[in-house]
Amino acid sequence: MTQIEANNLCKKILKEFDPNNVAKENSINDLKTLRGHFLAIEDPMLTKTVRLAYEYLSNNDSFDIAIADFEPTEEQSTFEYFVELLMNYEHPFNRQELQEFKTALEQA
């Protein structure tokens, strides 16, 4: 999977996102596929973060993870923000916030 394909998968996840039912099987399966991309490019932080995210979704039927620099709004949920960060995962600020998600998911 290329970075373009990974971004297209993120766009698909966002398009299908339903804030009332975030833990849809499609979202979880798509995150598992996306994890394969990060595994293939040998990015252990993102590989683990995405795994923790879909496990959290599966176990909690929500994505109520809090990080310091983001407050969910009616326009954007925490899950949508997380997926948008994944779309530009090479940007240093996004990586820092994804690391915050990883830490929060590990503590959840």
PDB file of N, CA and C in Angstrom:
ATOM      1  N   MET A   1       0.849  -1.169   0.000  1.00  0.00           N
ATOM      2  CA  MET A   1       0.000   0.000   0.000  1.00  0.00           C
ATOM      3  C   MET A   1       0.901   1.242   0.000  1.00  0.00           C
ATOM      4  N   THR A   2       0.589   2.184  -0.862  1.00  0.00           N
ATOM      5  CA  THR A   2       1.347   3.429  -0.929  1.00  0.00           C
ATOM      6  C   THR A   2       0.761   4.449   0.042  1.00  0.00           C
ATOM      7  N   GLN A   3       1.461   5.562   0.233  1.00  0.00           N
ATOM      8  CA  GLN A   3       0.940   6.606   1.105  1.00  0.00           C
ATOM      9  C   GLN A   3      -0.358   7.176   0.534  1.00  0.00           C
ATOM     10  N   ILE A   4      -0.438   7.274  -0.778  1.00  0.00           N
ATOM     11  CA  ILE A   4      -1.678   7.761  -1.406  1.00  0.00           C
ATOM     12  C   ILE A   4      -2.831   6.816  -1.106  1.00  0.00           C
ATOM     13  N   GLU A   5      -2.584   5.512  -1.198  1.00  0.00           N
ATOM     14  CA  GLU A   5      -3.626   4.530  -0.887  1.00  0.00           C
ATOM     15  C   GLU A   5      -4.008   4.602   0.590  1.00  0.00           C
ATOM     16  N   ALA A   6      -3.027   4.813   1.454  1.00  0.00           N
ATOM     17  CA  ALA A   6      -3.314   4.950   2.891  1.00  0.00           C
ATOM     18  C   ALA A   6      -4.176   6.188   3.129  1.00  0.00           C
ATOM     19  N   ASN A   7      -3.862   7.287   2.463  1.00  0.00           N
ATOM     20  CA  ASN A   7      -4.669   8.496   2.603  1.00  0.00           C
ATOM     21  C   ASN A   7      -6.080   8.291   2.071  1.00  0.00           C
ATOM     22  N   ASN A   8      -6.201   7.578   0.956  1.00  0.00           N
ATOM     23  CA  ASN A   8      -7.534   7.283   0.416  1.00  0.00           C
ATOM     24  C   ASN A   8      -8.333   6.423   1.391  1.00  0.00           C
ATOM     25  N   LEU A   9      -7.664   5.504   2.062  1.00  0.00           N
ATOM     26  CA  LEU A   9      -8.344   4.684   3.060  1.00  0.00           C
ATOM     27  C   LEU A   9      -8.795   5.556   4.233  1.00  0.00           C
ATOM     28  N   CYS A  10      -7.961   6.504   4.645  1.00  0.00           N
ATOM     29  CA  CYS A  10      -8.357   7.439   5.711  1.00  0.00           C
ATOM     30  C   CYS A  10      -9.569   8.256   5.286  1.00  0.00           C
ATOM     31  N   LYS A  11      -9.582   8.709   4.039  1.00  0.00           N
ATOM     32  CA  LYS A  11     -10.727   9.466   3.522  1.00  0.00           C
ATOM     33  C   LYS A  11     -11.987   8.610   3.542  1.00  0.00           C
ATOM     34  N   LYS A  12     -11.842   7.344   3.196  1.00  0.00           N
ATOM     35  CA  LYS A  12     -12.983   6.417   3.223  1.00  0.00           C
ATOM     36  C   LYS A  12     -13.498   6.257   4.646  1.00  0.00           C
ATOM     37  N   ILE A  13     -12.587   6.117   5.608  1.00  0.00           N
ATOM     38  CA  ILE A  13     -12.978   5.982   7.011  1.00  0.00           C
ATOM     39  C   ILE A  13     -13.763   7.221   7.440  1.00  0.00           C
ATOM     40  N   LEU A  14     -13.276   8.402   7.080  1.00  0.00           N
ATOM     41  CA  LEU A  14     -13.953   9.642   7.457  1.00  0.00           C
ATOM     42  C   LEU A  14     -15.304   9.777   6.770  1.00  0.00           C
ATOM     43  N   LYS A  15     -15.372   9.371   5.516  1.00  0.00           N
ATOM     44  CA  LYS A  15     -16.635   9.470   4.768  1.00  0.00           C
ATOM     45  C   LYS A  15     -17.705   8.567   5.377  1.00  0.00           C
ATOM     46  N   GLU A  16     -17.311   7.382   5.815  1.00  0.00           N
ATOM     47  CA  GLU A  16     -18.259   6.425   6.372  1.00  0.00           C
ATOM     48  C   GLU A  16     -18.512   6.632   7.863  1.00  0.00           C
ATOM     49  N   PHE A  17     -17.774   7.561   8.467  1.00  0.00           N
ATOM     50  CA  PHE A  17     -17.864   7.776   9.904  1.00  0.00           C
ATOM     51  C   PHE A  17     -19.262   8.213  10.317  1.00  0.00           C
ATOM     52  N   ASP A  18     -19.768   7.577  11.343  1.00  0.00           N
ATOM     53  CA  ASP A  18     -21.055   7.918  11.940  1.00  0.00           C
ATOM     54  C   ASP A  18     -20.805   8.199  13.420  1.00  0.00           C
ATOM     55  N   PRO A  19     -20.934   9.454  13.845  1.00  0.00           N
ATOM     56  CA  PRO A  19     -20.620   9.781  15.239  1.00  0.00           C
ATOM     57  C   PRO A  19     -21.487   9.035  16.252  1.00  0.00           C
ATOM     58  N   ASN A  20     -22.617   8.527  15.816  1.00  0.00           N
ATOM     59  CA  ASN A  20     -23.484   7.773  16.721  1.00  0.00           C
ATOM     60  C   ASN A  20     -23.131   6.293  16.774  1.00  0.00           C
ATOM     61  N   ASN A  21     -22.268   5.856  15.869  1.00  0.00           N
ATOM     62  CA  ASN A  21     -21.879   4.449  15.829  1.00  0.00           C
ATOM     63  C   ASN A  21     -20.458   4.353  15.303  1.00  0.00           C
ATOM     64  N   VAL A  22     -19.505   4.910  16.051  1.00  0.00           N
ATOM     65  CA  VAL A  22     -18.128   4.994  15.589  1.00  0.00           C
ATOM     66  C   VAL A  22     -17.483   3.621  15.429  1.00  0.00           C
ATOM     67  N   ALA A  23     -17.921   2.637  16.155  1.00  0.00           N
ATOM     68  CA  ALA A  23     -17.262   1.329  16.155  1.00  0.00           C
ATOM     69  C   ALA A  23     -17.814   0.384  15.095  1.00  0.00           C
ATOM     70  N   LYS A  24     -18.189   0.913  13.954  1.00  0.00           N
ATOM     71  CA  LYS A  24     -18.657   0.057  12.879  1.00  0.00           C
ATOM     72  C   LYS A  24     -17.552  -0.898  12.469  1.00  0.00           C
ATOM     73  N   GLU A  25     -17.935  -2.085  12.089  1.00  0.00           N
ATOM     74  CA  GLU A  25     -16.955  -3.080  11.652  1.00  0.00           C
ATOM     75  C   GLU A  25     -16.111  -2.560  10.494  1.00  0.00           C
ATOM     76  N   ASN A  26     -16.715  -1.806   9.578  1.00  0.00           N
ATOM     77  CA  ASN A  26     -15.951  -1.269   8.444  1.00  0.00           C
ATOM     78  C   ASN A  26     -14.801  -0.398   8.929  1.00  0.00           C
ATOM     79  N   SER A  27     -15.069   0.473   9.896  1.00  0.00           N
ATOM     80  CA  SER A  27     -14.012   1.351  10.410  1.00  0.00           C
ATOM     81  C   SER A  27     -12.901   0.539  11.059  1.00  0.00           C
ATOM     82  N   ILE A  28     -13.276  -0.445  11.825  1.00  0.00           N
ATOM     83  CA  ILE A  28     -12.287  -1.284  12.503  1.00  0.00           C
ATOM     84  C   ILE A  28     -11.473  -2.063  11.473  1.00  0.00           C
ATOM     85  N   ASN A  29     -12.139  -2.655  10.485  1.00  0.00           N
ATOM     86  CA  ASN A  29     -11.427  -3.396   9.444  1.00  0.00           C
ATOM     87  C   ASN A  29     -10.523  -2.486   8.621  1.00  0.00           C
ATOM     88  N   ASP A  30     -10.997  -1.272   8.325  1.00  0.00           N
ATOM     89  CA  ASP A  30     -10.168  -0.333   7.576  1.00  0.00           C
ATOM     90  C   ASP A  30      -8.951   0.091   8.386  1.00  0.00           C
ATOM     91  N   LEU A  31      -9.112   0.272   9.693  1.00  0.00           N
ATOM     92  CA  LEU A  31      -7.960   0.602  10.535  1.00  0.00           C
ATOM     93  C   LEU A  31      -6.966  -0.560  10.577  1.00  0.00           C
ATOM     94  N   LYS A  32      -7.467  -1.785  10.565  1.00  0.00           N
ATOM     95  CA  LYS A  32      -6.570  -2.944  10.517  1.00  0.00           C
ATOM     96  C   LYS A  32      -5.774  -2.949   9.214  1.00  0.00           C
ATOM     97  N   THR A  33      -6.427  -2.610   8.108  1.00  0.00           N
ATOM     98  CA  THR A  33      -5.740  -2.526   6.826  1.00  0.00           C
ATOM     99  C   THR A  33      -4.701  -1.411   6.859  1.00  0.00           C
ATOM    100  N   LEU A  34      -5.067  -0.272   7.426  1.00  0.00           N
ATOM    101  CA  LEU A  34      -4.146   0.854   7.538  1.00  0.00           C
ATOM    102  C   LEU A  34      -2.943   0.487   8.406  1.00  0.00           C
ATOM    103  N   ARG A  35      -3.175  -0.283   9.446  1.00  0.00           N
ATOM    104  CA  ARG A  35      -2.071  -0.738  10.298  1.00  0.00           C
ATOM    105  C   ARG A  35      -1.059  -1.529   9.460  1.00  0.00           C
ATOM    106  N   GLY A  36      -1.551  -2.324   8.510  1.00  0.00           N
ATOM    107  CA  GLY A  36      -0.670  -3.081   7.631  1.00  0.00           C
ATOM    108  C   GLY A  36       0.263  -2.175   6.837  1.00  0.00           C
ATOM    109  N   HIS A  37      -0.231  -1.007   6.462  1.00  0.00           N
ATOM    110  CA  HIS A  37       0.624  -0.038   5.755  1.00  0.00           C
ATOM    111  C   HIS A  37       1.765   0.424   6.656  1.00  0.00           C
ATOM    112  N   PHE A  38       1.433   0.755   7.896  1.00  0.00           N
ATOM    113  CA  PHE A  38       2.472   1.232   8.811  1.00  0.00           C
ATOM    114  C   PHE A  38       3.435   0.117   9.190  1.00  0.00           C
ATOM    115  N   LEU A  39       2.943  -1.093   9.213  1.00  0.00           N
ATOM    116  CA  LEU A  39       3.810  -2.242   9.447  1.00  0.00           C
ATOM    117  C   LEU A  39       4.777  -2.410   8.272  1.00  0.00           C
ATOM    118  N   ALA A  40       4.263  -2.261   7.059  1.00  0.00           N
ATOM    119  CA  ALA A  40       5.087  -2.429   5.861  1.00  0.00           C
ATOM    120  C   ALA A  40       6.161  -1.344   5.741  1.00  0.00           C
ATOM    121  N   ILE A  41       5.848  -0.124   6.164  1.00  0.00           N
ATOM    122  CA  ILE A  41       6.855   0.939   6.075  1.00  0.00           C
ATOM    123  C   ILE A  41       7.715   0.996   7.341  1.00  0.00           C
ATOM    124  N   GLU A  42       7.506   0.027   8.206  1.00  0.00           N
ATOM    125  CA  GLU A  42       8.308  -0.142   9.423  1.00  0.00           C
ATOM    126  C   GLU A  42       8.275   1.091  10.320  1.00  0.00           C
ATOM    127  N   ASP A  43       7.048   1.501  10.649  1.00  0.00           N
ATOM    128  CA  ASP A  43       6.847   2.617  11.570  1.00  0.00           C
ATOM    129  C   ASP A  43       6.172   2.054  12.825  1.00  0.00           C
ATOM    130  N   PRO A  44       6.972   1.616  13.799  1.00  0.00           N
ATOM    131  CA  PRO A  44       6.398   0.932  14.958  1.00  0.00           C
ATOM    132  C   PRO A  44       5.458   1.798  15.790  1.00  0.00           C
ATOM    133  N   MET A  45       5.721   3.097  15.895  1.00  0.00           N
ATOM    134  CA  MET A  45       4.841   3.954  16.697  1.00  0.00           C
ATOM    135  C   MET A  45       3.444   4.004  16.097  1.00  0.00           C
ATOM    136  N   LEU A  46       3.365   4.217  14.776  1.00  0.00           N
ATOM    137  CA  LEU A  46       2.052   4.285  14.138  1.00  0.00           C
ATOM    138  C   LEU A  46       1.388   2.918  14.067  1.00  0.00           C
ATOM    139  N   THR A  47       2.172   1.882  13.863  1.00  0.00           N
ATOM    140  CA  THR A  47       1.617   0.522  13.844  1.00  0.00           C
ATOM    141  C   THR A  47       0.911   0.236  15.167  1.00  0.00           C
ATOM    142  N   LYS A  48       1.579   0.543  16.262  1.00  0.00           N
ATOM    143  CA  LYS A  48       0.991   0.286  17.575  1.00  0.00           C
ATOM    144  C   LYS A  48      -0.179   1.219  17.860  1.00  0.00           C
ATOM    145  N   THR A  49      -0.065   2.487  17.481  1.00  0.00           N
ATOM    146  CA  THR A  49      -1.132   3.449  17.745  1.00  0.00           C
ATOM    147  C   THR A  49      -2.424   3.042  17.050  1.00  0.00           C
ATOM    148  N   VAL A  50      -2.314   2.649  15.789  1.00  0.00           N
ATOM    149  CA  VAL A  50      -3.507   2.243  15.044  1.00  0.00           C
ATOM    150  C   VAL A  50      -4.086   0.956  15.636  1.00  0.00           C
ATOM    151  N   ARG A  51      -3.232   0.009  16.036  1.00  0.00           N
ATOM    152  CA  ARG A  51      -3.733  -1.218  16.673  1.00  0.00           C
ATOM    153  C   ARG A  51      -4.470  -0.884  17.962  1.00  0.00           C
ATOM    154  N   LEU A  52      -3.889  -0.044  18.784  1.00  0.00           N
ATOM    155  CA  LEU A  52      -4.541   0.353  20.033  1.00  0.00           C
ATOM    156  C   LEU A  52      -5.869   1.052  19.758  1.00  0.00           C
ATOM    157  N   ALA A  53      -5.915   1.850  18.693  1.00  0.00           N
ATOM    158  CA  ALA A  53      -7.143   2.571  18.349  1.00  0.00           C
ATOM    159  C   ALA A  53      -8.266   1.614  17.975  1.00  0.00           C
ATOM    160  N   TYR A  54      -7.985   0.638  17.088  1.00  0.00           N
ATOM    161  CA  TYR A  54      -9.085  -0.251  16.703  1.00  0.00           C
ATOM    162  C   TYR A  54      -9.447  -1.207  17.821  1.00  0.00           C
ATOM    163  N   GLU A  55      -8.505  -1.579  18.668  1.00  0.00           N
ATOM    164  CA  GLU A  55      -8.851  -2.395  19.834  1.00  0.00           C
ATOM    165  C   GLU A  55      -9.719  -1.601  20.800  1.00  0.00           C
ATOM    166  N   TYR A  56      -9.398  -0.334  20.999  1.00  0.00           N
ATOM    167  CA  TYR A  56     -10.198   0.513  21.881  1.00  0.00           C
ATOM    168  C   TYR A  56     -11.617   0.665  21.323  1.00  0.00           C
ATOM    169  N   LEU A  57     -11.730   0.920  20.021  1.00  0.00           N
ATOM    170  CA  LEU A  57     -13.049   1.025  19.386  1.00  0.00           C
ATOM    171  C   LEU A  57     -13.848  -0.257  19.556  1.00  0.00           C
ATOM    172  N   SER A  58     -13.196  -1.357  19.348  1.00  0.00           N
ATOM    173  CA  SER A  58     -13.861  -2.648  19.436  1.00  0.00           C
ATOM    174  C   SER A  58     -14.356  -2.928  20.851  1.00  0.00           C
ATOM    175  N   ASN A  59     -13.557  -2.566  21.833  1.00  0.00           N
ATOM    176  CA  ASN A  59     -13.905  -2.853  23.226  1.00  0.00           C
ATOM    177  C   ASN A  59     -14.850  -1.839  23.849  1.00  0.00           C
ATOM    178  N   ASN A  60     -14.882  -0.609  23.328  1.00  0.00           N
ATOM    179  CA  ASN A  60     -15.642   0.455  23.977  1.00  0.00           C
ATOM    180  C   ASN A  60     -16.764   1.042  23.139  1.00  0.00           C
ATOM    181  N   ASP A  61     -16.866   0.674  21.884  1.00  0.00           N
ATOM    182  CA  ASP A  61     -17.873   1.228  20.984  1.00  0.00           C
ATOM    183  C   ASP A  61     -17.839   2.749  20.934  1.00  0.00           C
ATOM    184  N   SER A  62     -16.698   3.341  21.235  1.00  0.00           N
ATOM    185  CA  SER A  62     -16.535   4.793  21.164  1.00  0.00           C
ATOM    186  C   SER A  62     -15.048   5.097  21.046  1.00  0.00           C
ATOM    187  N   PHE A  63     -14.754   6.385  20.889  1.00  0.00           N
ATOM    188  CA  PHE A  63     -13.365   6.811  20.832  1.00  0.00           C
ATOM    189  C   PHE A  63     -13.259   8.095  21.652  1.00  0.00           C
ATOM    190  N   ASP A  64     -13.460   7.958  22.932  1.00  0.00           N
ATOM    191  CA  ASP A  64     -13.483   9.104  23.837  1.00  0.00           C
ATOM    192  C   ASP A  64     -12.116   9.345  24.478  1.00  0.00           C
ATOM    193  N   ILE A  65     -11.098   9.287  23.661  1.00  0.00           N
ATOM    194  CA  ILE A  65      -9.718   9.499  24.108  1.00  0.00           C
ATOM    195  C   ILE A  65      -9.456  11.003  24.148  1.00  0.00           C
ATOM    196  N   ALA A  66      -8.836  11.463  25.216  1.00  0.00           N
ATOM    197  CA  ALA A  66      -8.532  12.891  25.350  1.00  0.00           C
ATOM    198  C   ALA A  66      -7.031  13.122  25.215  1.00  0.00           C
ATOM    199  N   ILE A  67      -6.691  14.136  24.424  1.00  0.00           N
ATOM    200  CA  ILE A  67      -5.294  14.582  24.361  1.00  0.00           C
ATOM    201  C   ILE A  67      -5.281  16.076  24.654  1.00  0.00           C
ATOM    202  N   ALA A  68      -4.126  16.573  25.049  1.00  0.00           N
ATOM    203  CA  ALA A  68      -4.018  17.938  25.568  1.00  0.00           C
ATOM    204  C   ALA A  68      -4.398  19.025  24.562  1.00  0.00           C
ATOM    205  N   ASP A  69      -4.009  18.898  23.325  1.00  0.00           N
ATOM    206  CA  ASP A  69      -4.180  19.996  22.375  1.00  0.00           C
ATOM    207  C   ASP A  69      -5.439  19.918  21.520  1.00  0.00           C
ATOM    208  N   PHE A  70      -6.390  19.057  21.872  1.00  0.00           N
ATOM    209  CA  PHE A  70      -7.593  18.944  21.056  1.00  0.00           C
ATOM    210  C   PHE A  70      -8.826  18.812  21.935  1.00  0.00           C
ATOM    211  N   GLU A  71      -9.819  19.604  21.610  1.00  0.00           N
ATOM    212  CA  GLU A  71     -11.121  19.537  22.267  1.00  0.00           C
ATOM    213  C   GLU A  71     -12.160  19.228  21.197  1.00  0.00           C
ATOM    214  N   PRO A  72     -12.882  18.099  21.328  1.00  0.00           N
ATOM    215  CA  PRO A  72     -13.876  17.756  20.309  1.00  0.00           C
ATOM    216  C   PRO A  72     -14.964  18.831  20.207  1.00  0.00           C
ATOM    217  N   THR A  73     -15.493  18.990  18.998  1.00  0.00           N
ATOM    218  CA  THR A  73     -16.574  19.937  18.748  1.00  0.00           C
ATOM    219  C   THR A  73     -17.692  19.207  18.020  1.00  0.00           C
ATOM    220  N   GLU A  74     -18.761  19.936  17.740  1.00  0.00           N
ATOM    221  CA  GLU A  74     -19.839  19.340  16.954  1.00  0.00           C
ATOM    222  C   GLU A  74     -19.379  19.062  15.530  1.00  0.00           C
ATOM    223  N   GLU A  75     -18.402  19.836  15.056  1.00  0.00           N
ATOM    224  CA  GLU A  75     -17.912  19.673  13.690  1.00  0.00           C
ATOM    225  C   GLU A  75     -16.869  18.578  13.557  1.00  0.00           C
ATOM    226  N   GLN A  76     -16.145  18.282  14.644  1.00  0.00           N
ATOM    227  CA  GLN A  76     -15.067  17.299  14.550  1.00  0.00           C
ATOM    228  C   GLN A  76     -14.927  16.524  15.861  1.00  0.00           C
ATOM    229  N   SER A  77     -15.070  15.220  15.754  1.00  0.00           N
ATOM    230  CA  SER A  77     -14.895  14.350  16.914  1.00  0.00           C
ATOM    231  C   SER A  77     -13.419  14.016  17.098  1.00  0.00           C
ATOM    232  N   THR A  78     -13.106  13.423  18.216  1.00  0.00           N
ATOM    233  CA  THR A  78     -11.740  12.986  18.481  1.00  0.00           C
ATOM    234  C   THR A  78     -11.308  11.939  17.461  1.00  0.00           C
ATOM    235  N   PHE A  79     -12.208  11.033  17.107  1.00  0.00           N
ATOM    236  CA  PHE A  79     -11.882   9.999  16.123  1.00  0.00           C
ATOM    237  C   PHE A  79     -11.558  10.626  14.771  1.00  0.00           C
ATOM    238  N   GLU A  80     -12.366  11.592  14.331  1.00  0.00           N
ATOM    239  CA  GLU A  80     -12.105  12.243  13.051  1.00  0.00           C
ATOM    240  C   GLU A  80     -10.752  12.957  13.075  1.00  0.00           C
ATOM    241  N   TYR A  81     -10.441  13.603  14.179  1.00  0.00           N
ATOM    242  CA  TYR A  81      -9.150  14.280  14.319  1.00  0.00           C
ATOM    243  C   TYR A  81      -8.008  13.274  14.243  1.00  0.00           C
ATOM    244  N   PHE A  82      -8.162  12.159  14.926  1.00  0.00           N
ATOM    245  CA  PHE A  82      -7.151  11.096  14.902  1.00  0.00           C
ATOM    246  C   PHE A  82      -6.887  10.624  13.471  1.00  0.00           C
ATOM    247  N   VAL A  83      -7.953  10.359  12.727  1.00  0.00           N
ATOM    248  CA  VAL A  83      -7.799   9.869  11.349  1.00  0.00           C
ATOM    249  C   VAL A  83      -7.170  10.946  10.472  1.00  0.00           C
ATOM    250  N   GLU A  84      -7.534  12.204  10.679  1.00  0.00           N
ATOM    251  CA  GLU A  84      -6.936  13.280   9.891  1.00  0.00           C
ATOM    252  C   GLU A  84      -5.432  13.405  10.170  1.00  0.00           C
ATOM    253  N   LEU A  85      -5.025  13.183  11.418  1.00  0.00           N
ATOM    254  CA  LEU A  85      -3.594  13.188  11.730  1.00  0.00           C
ATOM    255  C   LEU A  85      -2.874  12.079  10.967  1.00  0.00           C
ATOM    256  N   LEU A  86      -3.530  10.931  10.850  1.00  0.00           N
ATOM    257  CA  LEU A  86      -2.928   9.802  10.134  1.00  0.00           C
ATOM    258  C   LEU A  86      -2.723  10.107   8.649  1.00  0.00           C
ATOM    259  N   MET A  87      -3.535  10.999   8.100  1.00  0.00           N
ATOM    260  CA  MET A  87      -3.426  11.325   6.679  1.00  0.00           C
ATOM    261  C   MET A  87      -2.126  12.066   6.364  1.00  0.00           C
ATOM    262  N   ASN A  88      -1.557  12.722   7.343  1.00  0.00           N
ATOM    263  CA  ASN A  88      -0.299  13.453   7.139  1.00  0.00           C
ATOM    264  C   ASN A  88       0.654  13.062   8.262  1.00  0.00           C
ATOM    265  N   TYR A  89       0.871  11.770   8.398  1.00  0.00           N
ATOM    266  CA  TYR A  89       1.610  11.216   9.528  1.00  0.00           C
ATOM    267  C   TYR A  89       3.083  11.580   9.547  1.00  0.00           C
ATOM    268  N   GLU A  90       3.620  12.044   8.434  1.00  0.00           N
ATOM    269  CA  GLU A  90       5.041  12.386   8.404  1.00  0.00           C
ATOM    270  C   GLU A  90       5.330  13.777   8.973  1.00  0.00           C
ATOM    271  N   HIS A  91       4.316  14.603   9.110  1.00  0.00           N
ATOM    272  CA  HIS A  91       4.502  15.953   9.650  1.00  0.00           C
ATOM    273  C   HIS A  91       4.880  15.853  11.133  1.00  0.00           C
ATOM    274  N   PRO A  92       5.923  16.550  11.559  1.00  0.00           N
ATOM    275  CA  PRO A  92       6.402  16.416  12.947  1.00  0.00           C
ATOM    276  C   PRO A  92       5.347  16.725  14.014  1.00  0.00           C
ATOM    277  N   PHE A  93       4.512  17.745  13.787  1.00  0.00           N
ATOM    278  CA  PHE A  93       3.488  18.066  14.783  1.00  0.00           C
ATOM    279  C   PHE A  93       2.425  16.962  14.855  1.00  0.00           C
ATOM    280  N   ASN A  94       2.083  16.405  13.689  1.00  0.00           N
ATOM    281  CA  ASN A  94       1.114  15.304  13.683  1.00  0.00           C
ATOM    282  C   ASN A  94       1.686  14.083  14.397  1.00  0.00           C
ATOM    283  N   ARG A  95       2.950  13.795  14.163  1.00  0.00           N
ATOM    284  CA  ARG A  95       3.585  12.648  14.835  1.00  0.00           C
ATOM    285  C   ARG A  95       3.565  12.851  16.354  1.00  0.00           C
ATOM    286  N   GLN A  96       3.807  14.082  16.779  1.00  0.00           N
ATOM    287  CA  GLN A  96       3.790  14.367  18.215  1.00  0.00           C
ATOM    288  C   GLN A  96       2.394  14.117  18.791  1.00  0.00           C
ATOM    289  N   GLU A  97       1.371  14.571  18.092  1.00  0.00           N
ATOM    290  CA  GLU A  97       0.011  14.355  18.586  1.00  0.00           C
ATOM    291  C   GLU A  97      -0.395  12.893  18.481  1.00  0.00           C
ATOM    292  N   LEU A  98       0.059  12.200  17.458  1.00  0.00           N
ATOM    293  CA  LEU A  98      -0.208  10.763  17.368  1.00  0.00           C
ATOM    294  C   LEU A  98       0.474  10.013  18.507  1.00  0.00           C
ATOM    295  N   GLN A  99       1.653  10.475  18.910  1.00  0.00           N
ATOM    296  CA  GLN A  99       2.327   9.890  20.074  1.00  0.00           C
ATOM    297  C   GLN A  99       1.489  10.123  21.329  1.00  0.00           C
ATOM    298  N   GLU A 100       0.864  11.298  21.446  1.00  0.00           N
ATOM    299  CA  GLU A 100      -0.017  11.572  22.579  1.00  0.00           C
ATOM    300  C   GLU A 100      -1.220  10.622  22.567  1.00  0.00           C
ATOM    301  N   PHE A 101      -1.771  10.370  21.376  1.00  0.00           N
ATOM    302  CA  PHE A 101      -2.869   9.401  21.269  1.00  0.00           C
ATOM    303  C   PHE A 101      -2.399   8.019  21.715  1.00  0.00           C
ATOM    304  N   LYS A 102      -1.205   7.635  21.280  1.00  0.00           N
ATOM    305  CA  LYS A 102      -0.665   6.324  21.666  1.00  0.00           C
ATOM    306  C   LYS A 102      -0.570   6.211  23.183  1.00  0.00           C
ATOM    307  N   THR A 103      -0.018   7.217  23.810  1.00  0.00           N
ATOM    308  CA  THR A 103       0.113   7.213  25.266  1.00  0.00           C
ATOM    309  C   THR A 103      -1.249   7.141  25.933  1.00  0.00           C
ATOM    310  N   ALA A 104      -2.197   7.937  25.467  1.00  0.00           N
ATOM    311  CA  ALA A 104      -3.532   7.932  26.057  1.00  0.00           C
ATOM    312  C   ALA A 104      -4.225   6.592  25.855  1.00  0.00           C
ATOM    313  N   LEU A 105      -4.053   5.986  24.690  1.00  0.00           N
ATOM    314  CA  LEU A 105      -4.662   4.667  24.426  1.00  0.00           C
ATOM    315  C   LEU A 105      -4.024   3.589  25.290  1.00  0.00           C
ATOM    316  N   GLU A 106      -2.722   3.681  25.513  1.00  0.00           N
ATOM    317  CA  GLU A 106      -2.058   2.706  26.378  1.00  0.00           C
ATOM    318  C   GLU A 106      -2.558   2.806  27.813  1.00  0.00           C
ATOM    319  N   GLN A 107      -2.914   4.006  28.240  1.00  0.00           N
ATOM    320  CA  GLN A 107      -3.369   4.214  29.619  1.00  0.00           C
ATOM    321  C   GLN A 107      -4.857   3.940  29.783  1.00  0.00           C
ATOM    322  N   ALA A 108      -5.577   3.850  28.664  1.00  0.00           N
ATOM    323  CA  ALA A 108      -7.028   3.651  28.735  1.00  0.00           C
ATOM    324  C   ALA A 108      -7.385   2.227  29.145  1.00  0.00           C
TER     325      ALA A 108
END
